Amino acid sequence: MPSNALDIPADVAVCPYCGAALYLEVEEWDAETRQPTEAGAYIHCERLEELEARAIGMRRGARRADALNAWYKAEAQHEQMPYVYWLPVQVKVYRLFAQHCRVLDEPNGDTRLVYVPPPLPPAEEMRRAGAAPLPGF
């Protein structure tokens, strides 16, 4: 997984095709807020990435041919009807997860994606919503 990527928690989303874990990769962000743009945030299936890495990393032979076929088959499955399967997941991940990510610059010139949890609502709003008060408030 690239340094400008983060695992997406399973309670936010999983792959709509195979149920595997997903990760968010960011290639574009706002220069002032360091927040990923919706157009620059991409979701990848970890299972598909693993199949690709395994197939490409093998030497020639029958096992590599089997691995390539498995990867091609999975890739074809993951490309079926993207507006029905991928788009809703992308929108959900961006709204619930990516908006709370920031891109940081590393000393070596690389970038790193970090998750910044949303702030908790003030104690008064929590009381109005019926939530139990937090200790010390």
Protein backbone atom coordinates (compact mmCIF):
# COMPACT_ATOMS: atom_id res chain seq x y z
CA MET A 1 0.00 0.00 0.00
CA PRO A 2 1.40 3.44 -0.90
CA SER A 3 2.36 5.96 1.78
CA ASN A 4 -0.46 8.24 0.66
CA ALA A 5 -3.05 5.55 1.45
CA LEU A 6 -5.05 4.42 4.48
CA ASP A 7 -7.02 1.28 5.29
CA ILE A 8 -10.76 1.89 5.30
CA PRO A 9 -12.40 0.45 8.42
CA ALA A 10 -14.74 -2.47 7.67
CA ASP A 11 -17.58 -0.69 9.48
CA VAL A 12 -17.30 2.11 6.90
CA ALA A 13 -17.10 -0.05 3.75
CA VAL A 14 -15.85 -3.31 2.24
CA CYS A 15 -15.44 -4.35 -1.38
CA PRO A 16 -18.90 -4.61 -2.96
CA TYR A 17 -17.73 -7.44 -5.20
CA CYS A 18 -15.81 -9.80 -2.93
CA GLY A 19 -16.20 -8.42 0.61
CA ALA A 20 -12.46 -7.83 1.06
CA ALA A 21 -10.94 -4.86 2.85
CA LEU A 22 -10.52 -1.59 1.00
CA TYR A 23 -7.96 1.17 1.18
CA LEU A 24 -8.10 4.81 0.18
CA GLU A 25 -5.34 6.27 -1.97
CA VAL A 26 -5.06 10.03 -2.45
CA GLU A 27 -3.43 11.59 -5.49
CA GLU A 28 -4.86 15.11 -5.24
CA TRP A 29 -5.56 17.39 -2.28
CA ASP A 30 -6.35 21.01 -1.48
CA ALA A 31 -3.10 22.93 -0.96
CA GLU A 32 -4.45 25.01 1.96
CA THR A 33 -6.51 22.49 3.94
CA ARG A 34 -4.45 19.43 2.91
CA GLN A 35 -7.76 17.59 2.56
CA PRO A 36 -8.17 15.08 -0.30
CA THR A 37 -10.38 16.19 -3.16
CA GLU A 38 -13.22 13.94 -4.17
CA ALA A 39 -11.75 13.59 -7.68
CA GLY A 40 -8.33 12.71 -6.28
CA ALA A 41 -9.44 10.04 -3.78
CA TYR A 42 -9.41 6.46 -5.08
CA ILE A 43 -10.61 3.25 -3.47
CA HIS A 44 -8.82 -0.05 -4.07
CA CYS A 45 -9.72 -3.62 -3.13
CA GLU A 46 -6.91 -5.27 -1.16
CA ARG A 47 -7.75 -8.74 -2.51
CA LEU A 48 -7.44 -7.56 -6.10
CA GLU A 49 -4.12 -5.86 -5.31
CA GLU A 50 -2.83 -9.06 -3.64
CA LEU A 51 -3.81 -11.20 -6.65
CA GLU A 52 -2.05 -8.77 -8.98
CA ALA A 53 1.13 -8.71 -6.88
CA ARG A 54 1.19 -12.52 -6.63
CA ALA A 55 0.68 -13.00 -10.38
CA ILE A 56 3.27 -10.44 -11.40
CA GLY A 57 5.82 -11.67 -8.88
CA MET A 58 5.80 -15.30 -10.04
CA ARG A 59 8.19 -16.81 -12.52
CA ARG A 60 6.91 -18.16 -15.80
CA GLY A 61 5.17 -21.48 -15.71
CA ALA A 62 1.85 -23.16 -14.99
CA ARG A 63 1.51 -21.64 -11.50
CA ARG A 64 2.03 -18.13 -12.88
CA ALA A 65 -0.55 -18.79 -15.60
CA ASP A 66 -3.06 -19.89 -12.94
CA ALA A 67 -2.29 -16.81 -10.85
CA LEU A 68 -2.68 -14.53 -13.87
CA ASN A 69 -6.01 -16.15 -14.76
CA ALA A 70 -7.26 -15.69 -11.19
CA TRP A 71 -6.21 -12.04 -11.27
CA TYR A 72 -7.83 -11.42 -14.70
CA LYS A 73 -11.04 -13.10 -13.56
CA ALA A 74 -11.17 -11.05 -10.32
CA GLU A 75 -10.36 -7.85 -12.20
CA ALA A 76 -13.17 -8.50 -14.70
CA GLN A 77 -15.57 -9.13 -11.81
CA HIS A 78 -14.51 -5.89 -10.10
CA GLU A 79 -15.17 -3.88 -13.28
CA GLN A 80 -18.79 -4.95 -13.75
CA MET A 81 -21.35 -2.16 -13.43
CA PRO A 82 -19.14 0.32 -11.51
CA TYR A 83 -21.92 2.92 -11.23
CA VAL A 84 -24.07 0.37 -9.42
CA TYR A 85 -21.41 -1.15 -7.15
CA TRP A 86 -18.35 1.11 -6.84
CA LEU A 87 -19.90 4.59 -7.02
CA PRO A 88 -22.08 4.25 -3.88
CA VAL A 89 -19.08 2.92 -1.95
CA GLN A 90 -16.86 5.76 -3.21
CA VAL A 91 -19.41 8.39 -2.21
CA LYS A 92 -19.89 6.82 1.22
CA VAL A 93 -16.16 6.51 1.88
CA TYR A 94 -15.52 10.08 0.83
CA ARG A 95 -18.32 11.48 2.98
CA LEU A 96 -17.64 9.39 6.08
CA PHE A 97 -13.91 8.85 5.93
CA ALA A 98 -11.87 10.78 3.38
CA GLN A 99 -13.13 14.19 4.50
CA HIS A 100 -11.36 13.57 7.81
CA CYS A 101 -8.01 12.71 6.22
CA ARG A 102 -5.12 15.09 5.73
CA VAL A 103 -1.99 14.81 3.61
CA LEU A 104 1.22 15.54 5.49
CA ASP A 105 4.65 16.27 4.04
CA GLU A 106 7.48 14.05 5.24
CA PRO A 107 11.03 15.38 5.76
CA ASN A 108 12.29 13.19 2.89
CA GLY A 109 9.85 14.82 0.44
CA ASP A 110 7.25 12.05 0.45
CA THR A 111 3.66 12.55 1.54
CA ARG A 112 1.69 10.58 4.11
CA LEU A 113 -2.07 10.33 4.55
CA VAL A 114 -3.40 10.51 8.13
CA TYR A 115 -6.89 10.24 9.58
CA VAL A 116 -8.01 13.10 11.82
CA PRO A 117 -11.18 12.06 13.71
CA PRO A 118 -14.02 14.58 13.63
CA PRO A 119 -14.33 16.69 16.78
CA LEU A 120 -16.80 15.62 19.42
CA PRO A 121 -19.84 17.87 19.77
CA PRO A 122 -19.84 20.24 22.74
CA ALA A 123 -21.22 18.85 26.00
CA GLU A 124 -24.39 20.99 25.79
CA GLU A 125 -25.28 19.60 22.35
CA MET A 126 -24.69 16.07 23.63
CA ARG A 127 -27.02 16.72 26.59
CA ARG A 128 -29.74 18.05 24.25
CA ALA A 129 -29.34 14.96 22.10
CA GLY A 130 -29.94 12.77 25.16
CA ALA A 131 -26.40 11.47 25.50
CA ALA A 132 -24.97 10.81 28.95
CA PRO A 133 -22.61 13.58 30.07
CA LEU A 134 -18.91 12.93 29.86
CA PRO A 135 -16.96 12.94 33.13
CA GLY A 136 -15.64 16.39 33.94
CA PHE A 137 -18.20 18.34 31.89
